[in-house]
PDB file of N, CA and C in Angstrom:
ATOM      1  N   UNK A   1     184.803  10.871  79.545  1.00  0.00           N
ATOM      2  CA  UNK A   1     184.294  12.059  80.179  1.00  0.00           C
ATOM      3  C   UNK A   1     182.988  11.519  81.267  1.00  0.00           C
ATOM      4  N   UNK A   2     182.619  12.721  81.852  1.00  0.00           N
ATOM      5  CA  UNK A   2     181.520  12.317  83.017  1.00  0.00           C
ATOM      6  C   UNK A   2     180.705  13.308  82.926  1.00  0.00           C
ATOM      7  N   UNK A   3     179.818  13.028  83.364  1.00  0.00           N
ATOM      8  CA  UNK A   3     178.509  13.687  83.185  1.00  0.00           C
ATOM      9  C   UNK A   3     178.342  14.608  84.603  1.00  0.00           C
ATOM     10  N   UNK A   4     179.088  14.414  85.536  1.00  0.00           N
ATOM     11  CA  UNK A   4     178.582  15.378  86.811  1.00  0.00           C
ATOM     12  C   UNK A   4     179.435  16.671  86.636  1.00  0.00           C
ATOM     13  N   UNK A   5     178.789  17.460  86.870  1.00  0.00           N
ATOM     14  CA  UNK A   5     179.093  19.462  86.971  1.00  0.00           C
ATOM     15  C   UNK A   5     179.980  19.256  88.080  1.00  0.00           C
ATOM     16  N   UNK A   6     181.235  20.355  87.888  1.00  0.00           N
ATOM     17  CA  UNK A   6     181.542  20.542  89.084  1.00  0.00           C
ATOM     18  C   UNK A   6     181.023  21.133  90.361  1.00  0.00           C
ATOM     19  N   UNK A   7     181.330  20.579  91.267  1.00  0.00           N
ATOM     20  CA  UNK A   7     180.853  21.326  92.961  1.00  0.00           C
ATOM     21  C   UNK A   7     180.734  23.147  93.006  1.00  0.00           C
ATOM     22  N   UNK A   8     179.776  23.433  92.890  1.00  0.00           N
ATOM     23  CA  UNK A   8     179.971  24.835  93.386  1.00  0.00           C
ATOM     24  C   UNK A   8     179.940  25.112  94.857  1.00  0.00           C
ATOM     25  N   UNK A   9     181.569  26.373  95.061  1.00  0.00           N
ATOM     26  CA  UNK A   9     182.164  26.219  96.477  1.00  0.00           C
ATOM     27  C   UNK A   9     181.397  28.094  96.865  1.00  0.00           C
ATOM     28  N   UNK A  10     181.419  28.148  97.938  1.00  0.00           N
ATOM     29  CA  UNK A  10     181.386  29.322  98.576  1.00  0.00           C
ATOM     30  C   UNK A  10     182.659  29.830  98.855  1.00  0.00           C
ATOM     31  N   UNK A  11     182.648  30.713  98.132  1.00  0.00           N
ATOM     32  CA  UNK A  11     183.951  31.876  98.315  1.00  0.00           C
ATOM     33  C   UNK A  11     183.937  32.837  99.225  1.00  0.00           C
ATOM     34  N   UNK A  12     184.995  32.683 100.300  1.00  0.00           N
ATOM     35  CA  UNK A  12     184.691  33.944 101.146  1.00  0.00           C
ATOM     36  C   UNK A  12     185.424  34.932 100.673  1.00  0.00           C
ATOM     37  N   UNK A  13     185.283  36.159 100.994  1.00  0.00           N
ATOM     38  CA  UNK A  13     185.941  37.657 100.766  1.00  0.00           C
ATOM     39  C   UNK A  13     186.710  37.878 101.089  1.00  0.00           C
ATOM     40  N   UNK A  14     187.658  37.137 102.129  1.00  0.00           N
ATOM     41  CA  UNK A  14     189.344  37.400 102.654  1.00  0.00           C
ATOM     42  C   UNK A  14     189.070  35.790 103.384  1.00  0.00           C
ATOM     43  N   UNK A  15     190.725  35.882 103.619  1.00  0.00           N
ATOM     44  CA  UNK A  15     190.872  34.810 103.924  1.00  0.00           C
ATOM     45  C   UNK A  15     190.904  34.877 105.552  1.00  0.00           C
ATOM     46  N   UNK A  16     191.337  36.560 105.888  1.00  0.00           N
ATOM     47  CA  UNK A  16     191.895  37.022 107.329  1.00  0.00           C
ATOM     48  C   UNK A  16     190.216  36.651 108.147  1.00  0.00           C
ATOM     49  N   UNK A  17     189.203  36.780 107.685  1.00  0.00           N
ATOM     50  CA  UNK A  17     188.088  36.778 108.382  1.00  0.00           C
ATOM     51  C   UNK A  17     187.071  35.586 107.114  1.00  0.00           C
ATOM     52  N   UNK A  18     187.477  34.470 107.893  1.00  0.00           N
ATOM     53  CA  UNK A  18     186.848  33.485 106.923  1.00  0.00           C
ATOM     54  C   UNK A  18     185.089  32.934 107.855  1.00  0.00           C
ATOM     55  N   UNK A  19     184.228  34.536 107.488  1.00  0.00           N
ATOM     56  CA  UNK A  19     183.134  34.278 107.993  1.00  0.00           C
ATOM     57  C   UNK A  19     182.221  34.645 107.040  1.00  0.00           C
ATOM     58  N   UNK A  20     180.942  33.526 107.150  1.00  0.00           N
ATOM     59  CA  UNK A  20     179.872  34.011 106.035  1.00  0.00           C
ATOM     60  C   UNK A  20     178.796  35.150 106.760  1.00  0.00           C
ATOM     61  N   UNK A  21     178.611  36.394 106.395  1.00  0.00           N
ATOM     62  CA  UNK A  21     177.681  36.953 107.093  1.00  0.00           C
ATOM     63  C   UNK A  21     176.778  36.683 106.425  1.00  0.00           C
ATOM     64  N   UNK A  22     175.295  37.839 107.053  1.00  0.00           N
ATOM     65  CA  UNK A  22     174.175  37.279 106.678  1.00  0.00           C
ATOM     66  C   UNK A  22     173.434  37.884 105.504  1.00  0.00           C
ATOM     67  N   UNK A  23     174.648  38.933 105.220  1.00  0.00           N
ATOM     68  CA  UNK A  23     174.355  39.797 103.917  1.00  0.00           C
ATOM     69  C   UNK A  23     174.612  38.661 102.840  1.00  0.00           C
ATOM     70  N   UNK A  24     176.289  38.110 102.893  1.00  0.00           N
ATOM     71  CA  UNK A  24     177.068  37.315 101.969  1.00  0.00           C
ATOM     72  C   UNK A  24     175.419  35.829 101.870  1.00  0.00           C
ATOM     73  N   UNK A  25     175.241  35.772 102.612  1.00  0.00           N
ATOM     74  CA  UNK A  25     174.185  34.303 103.075  1.00  0.00           C
ATOM     75  C   UNK A  25     172.934  34.488 101.771  1.00  0.00           C
ATOM     76  N   UNK A  26     172.432  36.300 102.140  1.00  0.00           N
ATOM     77  CA  UNK A  26     171.664  36.734 101.317  1.00  0.00           C
ATOM     78  C   UNK A  26     171.720  37.161  99.729  1.00  0.00           C
ATOM     79  N   UNK A  27     172.969  37.209  99.692  1.00  0.00           N
ATOM     80  CA  UNK A  27     173.392  37.284  98.310  1.00  0.00           C
ATOM     81  C   UNK A  27     173.744  36.005  97.567  1.00  0.00           C
ATOM     82  N   UNK A  28     173.924  34.876  98.344  1.00  0.00           N
ATOM     83  CA  UNK A  28     173.921  33.844  97.720  1.00  0.00           C
ATOM     84  C   UNK A  28     172.964  33.226  97.403  1.00  0.00           C
ATOM     85  N   UNK A  29     171.753  33.104  98.170  1.00  0.00           N
ATOM     86  CA  UNK A  29     170.279  33.087  97.625  1.00  0.00           C
ATOM     87  C   UNK A  29     169.897  33.713  96.429  1.00  0.00           C
ATOM     88  N   UNK A  30     170.443  34.740  96.151  1.00  0.00           N
ATOM     89  CA  UNK A  30     169.899  35.656  95.238  1.00  0.00           C
ATOM     90  C   UNK A  30     170.378  35.200  94.323  1.00  0.00           C
ATOM     91  N   UNK A  31     171.855  35.080  93.856  1.00  0.00           N
ATOM     92  CA  UNK A  31     172.816  34.796  92.847  1.00  0.00           C
ATOM     93  C   UNK A  31     172.119  33.425  92.707  1.00  0.00           C
ATOM     94  N   UNK A  32     171.897  31.997  93.419  1.00  0.00           N
ATOM     95  CA  UNK A  32     171.509  30.768  92.984  1.00  0.00           C
ATOM     96  C   UNK A  32     170.126  30.412  93.241  1.00  0.00           C
ATOM     97  N   UNK A  33     169.308  31.449  93.493  1.00  0.00           N
ATOM     98  CA  UNK A  33     167.801  30.614  93.453  1.00  0.00           C
ATOM     99  C   UNK A  33     166.905  31.315  92.757  1.00  0.00           C
ATOM    100  N   UNK A  34     167.597  32.826  92.413  1.00  0.00           N
ATOM    101  CA  UNK A  34     166.716  33.687  91.779  1.00  0.00           C
ATOM    102  C   UNK A  34     165.969  34.492  92.577  1.00  0.00           C
ATOM    103  N   UNK A  35     165.781  34.628  93.575  1.00  0.00           N
ATOM    104  CA  UNK A  35     165.136  35.435  94.615  1.00  0.00           C
ATOM    105  C   UNK A  35     165.515  36.767  94.451  1.00  0.00           C
ATOM    106  N   UNK A  36     164.615  37.753  95.034  1.00  0.00           N
ATOM    107  CA  UNK A  36     165.082  39.085  94.697  1.00  0.00           C
ATOM    108  C   UNK A  36     165.924  39.281  96.023  1.00  0.00           C
ATOM    109  N   UNK A  37     166.684  40.585  96.246  1.00  0.00           N
ATOM    110  CA  UNK A  37     167.161  40.703  97.365  1.00  0.00           C
ATOM    111  C   UNK A  37     166.775  41.188  98.296  1.00  0.00           C
ATOM    112  N   UNK A  38     165.194  41.406  98.595  1.00  0.00           N
ATOM    113  CA  UNK A  38     164.644  42.128  99.269  1.00  0.00           C
ATOM    114  C   UNK A  38     164.402  40.507 100.202  1.00  0.00           C
ATOM    115  N   UNK A  39     164.078  39.352  99.592  1.00  0.00           N
ATOM    116  CA  UNK A  39     163.605  38.379  99.446  1.00  0.00           C
ATOM    117  C   UNK A  39     164.395  37.371 100.051  1.00  0.00           C
ATOM    118  N   UNK A  40     165.824  37.429  99.978  1.00  0.00           N
ATOM    119  CA  UNK A  40     166.682  36.674 100.199  1.00  0.00           C
ATOM    120  C   UNK A  40     166.793  37.121 101.635  1.00  0.00           C
ATOM    121  N   UNK A  41     167.195  38.352 101.837  1.00  0.00           N
ATOM    122  CA  UNK A  41     167.312  39.026 103.179  1.00  0.00           C
ATOM    123  C   UNK A  41     165.879  38.730 104.024  1.00  0.00           C
ATOM    124  N   UNK A  42     165.005  38.927 104.030  1.00  0.00           N
ATOM    125  CA  UNK A  42     164.160  38.272 104.438  1.00  0.00           C
ATOM    126  C   UNK A  42     164.318  36.457 105.014  1.00  0.00           C
ATOM    127  N   UNK A  43     164.547  35.927 104.027  1.00  0.00           N
ATOM    128  CA  UNK A  43     164.327  34.454 103.845  1.00  0.00           C
ATOM    129  C   UNK A  43     165.681  33.959 105.667  1.00  0.00           C
ATOM    130  N   UNK A  44     166.810  34.890 105.412  1.00  0.00           N
ATOM    131  CA  UNK A  44     168.082  34.777 106.036  1.00  0.00           C
ATOM    132  C   UNK A  44     167.427  35.368 107.213  1.00  0.00           C
ATOM    133  N   UNK A  45     166.631  36.395 107.468  1.00  0.00           N
ATOM    134  CA  UNK A  45     166.824  37.129 108.696  1.00  0.00           C
ATOM    135  C   UNK A  45     165.563  35.903 109.414  1.00  0.00           C
ATOM    136  N   UNK A  46     164.620  35.743 109.216  1.00  0.00           N
ATOM    137  CA  UNK A  46     163.693  34.802 109.462  1.00  0.00           C
ATOM    138  C   UNK A  46     164.125  33.214 109.887  1.00  0.00           C
ATOM    139  N   UNK A  47     165.171  33.158 109.077  1.00  0.00           N
ATOM    140  CA  UNK A  47     166.098  31.723 109.433  1.00  0.00           C
ATOM    141  C   UNK A  47     166.373  31.664 110.610  1.00  0.00           C
ATOM    142  N   UNK A  48     166.489  32.858 110.658  1.00  0.00           N
ATOM    143  CA  UNK A  48     167.794  32.819 112.117  1.00  0.00           C
ATOM    144  C   UNK A  48     166.837  33.141 113.129  1.00  0.00           C
ATOM    145  N   UNK A  49     166.086  33.954 113.430  1.00  0.00           N
ATOM    146  CA  UNK A  49     165.305  34.542 114.250  1.00  0.00           C
ATOM    147  C   UNK A  49     164.050  32.998 114.649  1.00  0.00           C
ATOM    148  N   UNK A  50     164.141  32.511 113.448  1.00  0.00           N
ATOM    149  CA  UNK A  50     163.112  30.839 114.146  1.00  0.00           C
ATOM    150  C   UNK A  50     164.562  30.254 114.717  1.00  0.00           C
ATOM    151  N   UNK A  51     165.755  30.040 114.472  1.00  0.00           N
ATOM    152  CA  UNK A  51     166.425  29.275 115.587  1.00  0.00           C
ATOM    153  C   UNK A  51     166.430  29.821 116.630  1.00  0.00           C
ATOM    154  N   UNK A  52     167.321  30.697 116.916  1.00  0.00           N
ATOM    155  CA  UNK A  52     167.493  32.103 118.047  1.00  0.00           C
ATOM    156  C   UNK A  52     165.759  32.029 118.830  1.00  0.00           C
ATOM    157  N   UNK A  53     164.795  31.596 118.361  1.00  0.00           N
ATOM    158  CA  UNK A  53     163.680  31.851 119.438  1.00  0.00           C
ATOM    159  C   UNK A  53     163.524  30.460 120.059  1.00  0.00           C
ATOM    160  N   UNK A  54     163.727  29.445 118.902  1.00  0.00           N
ATOM    161  CA  UNK A  54     163.819  28.090 119.465  1.00  0.00           C
ATOM    162  C   UNK A  54     164.458  27.819 120.553  1.00  0.00           C
ATOM    163  N   UNK A  55     166.122  28.081 120.329  1.00  0.00           N
ATOM    164  CA  UNK A  55     166.916  27.794 121.341  1.00  0.00           C
ATOM    165  C   UNK A  55     166.344  28.612 122.918  1.00  0.00           C
ATOM    166  N   UNK A  56     165.953  30.176 122.790  1.00  0.00           N
ATOM    167  CA  UNK A  56     165.732  30.531 123.932  1.00  0.00           C
ATOM    168  C   UNK A  56     164.655  29.868 124.722  1.00  0.00           C
ATOM    169  N   UNK A  57     163.870  29.548 124.131  1.00  0.00           N
ATOM    170  CA  UNK A  57     162.896  28.720 124.554  1.00  0.00           C
ATOM    171  C   UNK A  57     163.106  27.236 125.114  1.00  0.00           C
ATOM    172  N   UNK A  58     164.836  26.875 125.205  1.00  0.00           N
ATOM    173  CA  UNK A  58     165.336  25.442 125.795  1.00  0.00           C
ATOM    174  C   UNK A  58     164.850  24.577 124.792  1.00  0.00           C
ATOM    175  N   UNK A  59     164.433  24.570 123.340  1.00  0.00           N
ATOM    176  CA  UNK A  59     164.091  23.805 122.275  1.00  0.00           C
ATOM    177  C   UNK A  59     165.426  23.202 121.954  1.00  0.00           C
ATOM    178  N   UNK A  60     165.882  22.209 121.419  1.00  0.00           N
ATOM    179  CA  UNK A  60     166.852  21.833 120.056  1.00  0.00           C
ATOM    180  C   UNK A  60     166.202  22.092 118.852  1.00  0.00           C
ATOM    181  N   UNK A  61     167.484  22.439 118.153  1.00  0.00           N
ATOM    182  CA  UNK A  61     167.266  22.854 116.737  1.00  0.00           C
ATOM    183  C   UNK A  61     167.706  21.588 115.824  1.00  0.00           C
ATOM    184  N   UNK A  62     166.568  21.007 115.106  1.00  0.00           N
ATOM    185  CA  UNK A  62     167.493  19.751 114.399  1.00  0.00           C
ATOM    186  C   UNK A  62     167.703  20.214 112.750  1.00  0.00           C
ATOM    187  N   UNK A  63     168.556  20.473 111.966  1.00  0.00           N
ATOM    188  CA  UNK A  63     168.664  20.295 110.747  1.00  0.00           C
ATOM    189  C   UNK A  63     169.180  19.455 109.887  1.00  0.00           C
ATOM    190  N   UNK A  64     168.351  18.559 109.213  1.00  0.00           N
ATOM    191  CA  UNK A  64     168.072  17.044 108.542  1.00  0.00           C
ATOM    192  C   UNK A  64     169.542  17.252 107.824  1.00  0.00           C
ATOM    193  N   UNK A  65     170.381  16.066 107.971  1.00  0.00           N
ATOM    194  CA  UNK A  65     171.662  16.137 107.061  1.00  0.00           C
ATOM    195  C   UNK A  65     172.605  17.504 107.103  1.00  0.00           C
ATOM    196  N   UNK A  66     172.475  18.183 108.497  1.00  0.00           N
ATOM    197  CA  UNK A  66     173.272  19.394 109.089  1.00  0.00           C
ATOM    198  C   UNK A  66     174.167  18.641 110.284  1.00  0.00           C
ATOM    199  N   UNK A  67     173.280  18.761 111.463  1.00  0.00           N
ATOM    200  CA  UNK A  67     173.304  18.796 112.382  1.00  0.00           C
ATOM    201  C   UNK A  67     172.336  19.177 113.273  1.00  0.00           C
ATOM    202  N   UNK A  68     172.660  19.279 114.754  1.00  0.00           N
ATOM    203  CA  UNK A  68     171.987  19.865 115.801  1.00  0.00           C
ATOM    204  C   UNK A  68     172.396  20.993 116.808  1.00  0.00           C
ATOM    205  N   UNK A  69     171.295  22.059 117.129  1.00  0.00           N
ATOM    206  CA  UNK A  69     172.147  22.945 117.771  1.00  0.00           C
ATOM    207  C   UNK A  69     170.858  22.579 118.963  1.00  0.00           C
ATOM    208  N   UNK A  70     171.512  22.644 120.144  1.00  0.00           N
ATOM    209  CA  UNK A  70     171.292  22.302 121.553  1.00  0.00           C
ATOM    210  C   UNK A  70     172.037  23.168 122.665  1.00  0.00           C
ATOM    211  N   UNK A  71     170.746  23.433 123.757  1.00  0.00           N
ATOM    212  CA  UNK A  71     171.069  24.263 124.899  1.00  0.00           C
ATOM    213  C   UNK A  71     171.914  23.037 125.818  1.00  0.00           C
ATOM    214  N   UNK A  72     172.845  23.799 126.293  1.00  0.00           N
ATOM    215  CA  UNK A  72     173.332  23.040 127.643  1.00  0.00           C
ATOM    216  C   UNK A  72     173.689  23.696 128.671  1.00  0.00           C
ATOM    217  N   UNK A  73     173.203  23.568 130.015  1.00  0.00           N
ATOM    218  CA  UNK A  73     172.977  24.230 131.423  1.00  0.00           C
ATOM    219  C   UNK A  73     174.168  23.634 131.792  1.00  0.00           C
ATOM    220  N   UNK A  74     175.509  24.785 131.854  1.00  0.00           N
ATOM    221  CA  UNK A  74     176.285  24.497 132.819  1.00  0.00           C
ATOM    222  C   UNK A  74     176.550  25.023 134.491  1.00  0.00           C
ATOM    223  N   UNK A  75     176.660  24.203 135.399  1.00  0.00           N
ATOM    224  CA  UNK A  75     176.319  24.590 136.747  1.00  0.00           C
ATOM    225  C   UNK A  75     177.527  25.948 137.419  1.00  0.00           C
ATOM    226  N   UNK A  76     176.914  26.363 138.399  1.00  0.00           N
ATOM    227  CA  UNK A  76     178.422  27.090 138.228  1.00  0.00           C
ATOM    228  C   UNK A  76     179.254  26.249 139.564  1.00  0.00           C
ATOM    229  N   UNK A  77     180.384  26.952 139.515  1.00  0.00           N
ATOM    230  CA  UNK A  77     181.622  26.411 139.791  1.00  0.00           C
ATOM    231  C   UNK A  77     182.968  27.360 140.157  1.00  0.00           C
ATOM    232  N   UNK A  78     183.637  26.878 140.936  1.00  0.00           N
ATOM    233  CA  UNK A  78     184.557  27.566 141.163  1.00  0.00           C
ATOM    234  C   UNK A  78     185.654  28.121 140.328  1.00  0.00           C
ATOM    235  N   UNK A  79     186.007  29.199 139.831  1.00  0.00           N
ATOM    236  CA  UNK A  79     186.989  29.567 138.925  1.00  0.00           C
ATOM    237  C   UNK A  79     188.489  30.262 140.027  1.00  0.00           C
ATOM    238  N   UNK A  80     189.217  30.820 138.899  1.00  0.00           N
ATOM    239  CA  UNK A  80     190.651  31.207 139.489  1.00  0.00           C
ATOM    240  C   UNK A  80     191.152  32.381 138.926  1.00  0.00           C
ATOM    241  N   UNK A  81     191.574  33.658 138.877  1.00  0.00           N
ATOM    242  CA  UNK A  81     192.244  34.401 138.303  1.00  0.00           C
ATOM    243  C   UNK A  81     193.628  33.631 137.711  1.00  0.00           C
ATOM    244  N   UNK A  82     193.540  34.143 136.641  1.00  0.00           N
ATOM    245  CA  UNK A  82     195.210  33.152 136.661  1.00  0.00           C
ATOM    246  C   UNK A  82     196.296  34.404 137.161  1.00  0.00           C
ATOM    247  N   UNK A  83     195.790  35.382 137.069  1.00  0.00           N
ATOM    248  CA  UNK A  83     196.564  36.554 137.036  1.00  0.00           C
ATOM    249  C   UNK A  83     197.468  36.570 138.821  1.00  0.00           C
ATOM    250  N   UNK A  84     195.995  36.540 139.290  1.00  0.00           N
ATOM    251  CA  UNK A  84     196.436  36.423 140.720  1.00  0.00           C
ATOM    252  C   UNK A  84     196.430  35.548 141.976  1.00  0.00           C
ATOM    253  N   UNK A  85     195.112  34.309 140.829  1.00  0.00           N
ATOM    254  CA  UNK A  85     195.322  33.294 141.784  1.00  0.00           C
ATOM    255  C   UNK A  85     194.347  33.424 142.733  1.00  0.00           C
ATOM    256  N   UNK A  86     193.374  34.504 142.485  1.00  0.00           N
ATOM    257  CA  UNK A  86     192.125  34.878 143.564  1.00  0.00           C
ATOM    258  C   UNK A  86     191.015  33.697 142.998  1.00  0.00           C
ATOM    259  N   UNK A  87     189.967  33.005 144.138  1.00  0.00           N
ATOM    260  CA  UNK A  87     189.180  32.711 143.953  1.00  0.00           C
ATOM    261  C   UNK A  87     188.067  33.193 143.434  1.00  0.00           C
ATOM    262  N   UNK A  88     187.388  32.905 141.932  1.00  0.00           N
ATOM    263  CA  UNK A  88     186.019  33.838 141.826  1.00  0.00           C
ATOM    264  C   UNK A  88     184.817  32.435 141.327  1.00  0.00           C
ATOM    265  N   UNK A  89     183.582  32.987 141.764  1.00  0.00           N
ATOM    266  CA  UNK A  89     182.881  32.088 141.631  1.00  0.00           C
ATOM    267  C   UNK A  89     182.225  32.304 140.166  1.00  0.00           C
ATOM    268  N   UNK A  90     182.038  31.294 139.334  1.00  0.00           N
ATOM    269  CA  UNK A  90     181.604  31.385 138.208  1.00  0.00           C
ATOM    270  C   UNK A  90     179.767  30.991 137.821  1.00  0.00           C
ATOM    271  N   UNK A  91     179.392  31.694 137.587  1.00  0.00           N
ATOM    272  CA  UNK A  91     177.403  31.608 138.005  1.00  0.00           C
ATOM    273  C   UNK A  91     177.118  30.411 136.271  1.00  0.00           C
ATOM    274  N   UNK A  92     175.821  30.608 137.112  1.00  0.00           N
ATOM    275  CA  UNK A  92     175.641  28.971 136.420  1.00  0.00           C
ATOM    276  C   UNK A  92     175.172  29.415 134.749  1.00  0.00           C
ATOM    277  N   UNK A  93     174.952  29.123 134.016  1.00  0.00           N
ATOM    278  CA  UNK A  93     174.580  29.686 132.506  1.00  0.00           C
ATOM    279  C   UNK A  93     174.234  28.134 131.789  1.00  0.00           C
ATOM    280  N   UNK A  94     173.562  28.926 130.712  1.00  0.00           N
ATOM    281  CA  UNK A  94     173.311  28.451 129.497  1.00  0.00           C
ATOM    282  C   UNK A  94     174.093  28.243 128.116  1.00  0.00           C
ATOM    283  N   UNK A  95     174.724  27.309 127.756  1.00  0.00           N
ATOM    284  CA  UNK A  95     175.711  27.517 126.414  1.00  0.00           C
ATOM    285  C   UNK A  95     175.201  26.910 125.261  1.00  0.00           C
ATOM    286  N   UNK A  96     175.819  26.996 123.972  1.00  0.00           N
ATOM    287  CA  UNK A  96     174.616  26.851 122.466  1.00  0.00           C
ATOM    288  C   UNK A  96     175.818  25.548 122.544  1.00  0.00           C
ATOM    289  N   UNK A  97     175.200  24.033 121.376  1.00  0.00           N
ATOM    290  CA  UNK A  97     176.573  23.763 121.525  1.00  0.00           C
ATOM    291  C   UNK A  97     176.080  22.853 120.147  1.00  0.00           C
ATOM    292  N   UNK A  98     176.961  22.805 119.610  1.00  0.00           N
ATOM    293  CA  UNK A  98     176.508  22.326 118.065  1.00  0.00           C
ATOM    294  C   UNK A  98     177.112  21.035 117.751  1.00  0.00           C
ATOM    295  N   UNK A  99     176.404  20.001 117.232  1.00  0.00           N
ATOM    296  CA  UNK A  99     176.981  18.620 116.808  1.00  0.00           C
ATOM    297  C   UNK A  99     176.653  17.882 115.473  1.00  0.00           C
ATOM    298  N   UNK A 100     177.335  18.017 114.688  1.00  0.00           N
ATOM    299  CA  UNK A 100     177.349  17.640 113.142  1.00  0.00           C
ATOM    300  C   UNK A 100     176.784  16.425 113.052  1.00  0.00           C
ATOM    301  N   UNK A 101     176.287  16.520 111.880  1.00  0.00           N
ATOM    302  CA  UNK A 101     175.456  15.056 111.724  1.00  0.00           C
ATOM    303  C   UNK A 101     176.183  14.240 110.913  1.00  0.00           C
ATOM    304  N   UNK A 102     176.080  12.705 111.080  1.00  0.00           N
ATOM    305  CA  UNK A 102     176.776  11.779 110.338  1.00  0.00           C
ATOM    306  C   UNK A 102     177.001  12.084 108.853  1.00  0.00           C
ATOM    307  N   UNK A 103     175.805  12.418 108.211  1.00  0.00           N
ATOM    308  CA  UNK A 103     176.155  13.205 106.343  1.00  0.00           C
ATOM    309  C   UNK A 103     177.299  14.367 106.287  1.00  0.00           C
ATOM    310  N   UNK A 104     177.251  15.253 107.525  1.00  0.00           N
ATOM    311  CA  UNK A 104     178.023  16.396 107.401  1.00  0.00           C
ATOM    312  C   UNK A 104     179.296  15.802 107.692  1.00  0.00           C
ATOM    313  N   UNK A 105     179.575  15.240 108.277  1.00  0.00           N
ATOM    314  CA  UNK A 105     181.203  14.486 108.997  1.00  0.00           C
ATOM    315  C   UNK A 105     181.651  13.592 107.586  1.00  0.00           C
ATOM    316  N   UNK A 106     180.584  13.154 106.995  1.00  0.00           N
ATOM    317  CA  UNK A 106     181.411  12.323 106.193  1.00  0.00           C
ATOM    318  C   UNK A 106     181.389  13.108 104.674  1.00  0.00           C
ATOM    319  N   UNK A 107     181.061  14.148 104.597  1.00  0.00           N
ATOM    320  CA  UNK A 107     181.075  15.157 103.780  1.00  0.00           C
ATOM    321  C   UNK A 107     182.596  15.624 103.674  1.00  0.00           C
ATOM    322  N   UNK A 108     182.800  16.331 105.005  1.00  0.00           N
ATOM    323  CA  UNK A 108     183.983  16.774 105.281  1.00  0.00           C
ATOM    324  C   UNK A 108     185.242  16.015 105.266  1.00  0.00           C
ATOM    325  N   UNK A 109     184.923  15.090 105.321  1.00  0.00           N
ATOM    326  CA  UNK A 109     186.331  14.024 105.188  1.00  0.00           C
ATOM    327  C   UNK A 109     186.333  13.351 103.848  1.00  0.00           C
ATOM    328  N   UNK A 110     185.403  14.015 103.096  1.00  0.00           N
ATOM    329  CA  UNK A 110     185.766  13.366 101.132  1.00  0.00           C
ATOM    330  C   UNK A 110     184.803  12.436 100.960  1.00  0.00           C
ATOM    331  N   UNK A 111     183.674  12.062 101.625  1.00  0.00           N
ATOM    332  CA  UNK A 111     182.879  11.034 100.954  1.00  0.00           C
ATOM    333  C   UNK A 111     181.451  11.844 100.464  1.00  0.00           C
ATOM    334  N   UNK A 112     181.300  11.401  99.550  1.00  0.00           N
ATOM    335  CA  UNK A 112     180.153  11.836  98.422  1.00  0.00           C
ATOM    336  C   UNK A 112     178.632  11.273  99.013  1.00  0.00           C
ATOM    337  N   UNK A 113     177.949  12.402  99.338  1.00  0.00           N
ATOM    338  CA  UNK A 113     176.712  11.906  99.457  1.00  0.00           C
ATOM    339  C   UNK A 113     175.848  11.667  98.595  1.00  0.00           C
ATOM    340  N   UNK A 114     175.056  10.569  99.349  1.00  0.00           N
ATOM    341  CA  UNK A 114     173.918   9.929  98.310  1.00  0.00           C
ATOM    342  C   UNK A 114     173.376  10.868  97.713  1.00  0.00           C
ATOM    343  N   UNK A 115     172.843  10.732  96.356  1.00  0.00           N
ATOM    344  CA  UNK A 115     171.541  11.335  95.992  1.00  0.00           C
ATOM    345  C   UNK A 115     170.131  11.945  96.690  1.00  0.00           C
ATOM    346  N   UNK A 116     170.203  13.090  96.769  1.00  0.00           N
ATOM    347  CA  UNK A 116     168.833  13.920  98.174  1.00  0.00           C
ATOM    348  C   UNK A 116     169.155  14.233  99.213  1.00  0.00           C
ATOM    349  N   UNK A 117     170.789  13.788  99.519  1.00  0.00           N
ATOM    350  CA  UNK A 117     170.805  13.548 101.458  1.00  0.00           C
ATOM    351  C   UNK A 117     170.386  14.755 101.808  1.00  0.00           C
ATOM    352  N   UNK A 118     170.488  16.341 101.047  1.00  0.00           N
ATOM    353  CA  UNK A 118     170.197  17.064 101.956  1.00  0.00           C
ATOM    354  C   UNK A 118     169.153  17.341 101.173  1.00  0.00           C
ATOM    355  N   UNK A 119     167.950  16.732 100.700  1.00  0.00           N
ATOM    356  CA  UNK A 119     166.734  17.291 100.329  1.00  0.00           C
ATOM    357  C   UNK A 119     165.882  17.035 101.639  1.00  0.00           C
TER     358      UNK A 119
END
């Protein structure tokens, strides 16, 4: 017999739309941490506001044990309309990129993280 409890999994409401919404994330905080619904919703909103604001300022967001969100500047380039073949200029823009941490990659591959890796 083992002493380890089974891992809790996040069950998404529909396989057709496997997206975890802010409301569902707030409900998970409510269920798992015992926060009231308002606190849970406010915590989720505050987290995303911080991430958005930091990225808009041009700074990276680094979540230890999870990964990094970065802003990458893409230069203008020529594009082509696939239907007509017409050349169309594509403007310079910023894109958000995500790079998973080594810990997250290991977990996805089935490796067990060391105790406290996500603390």
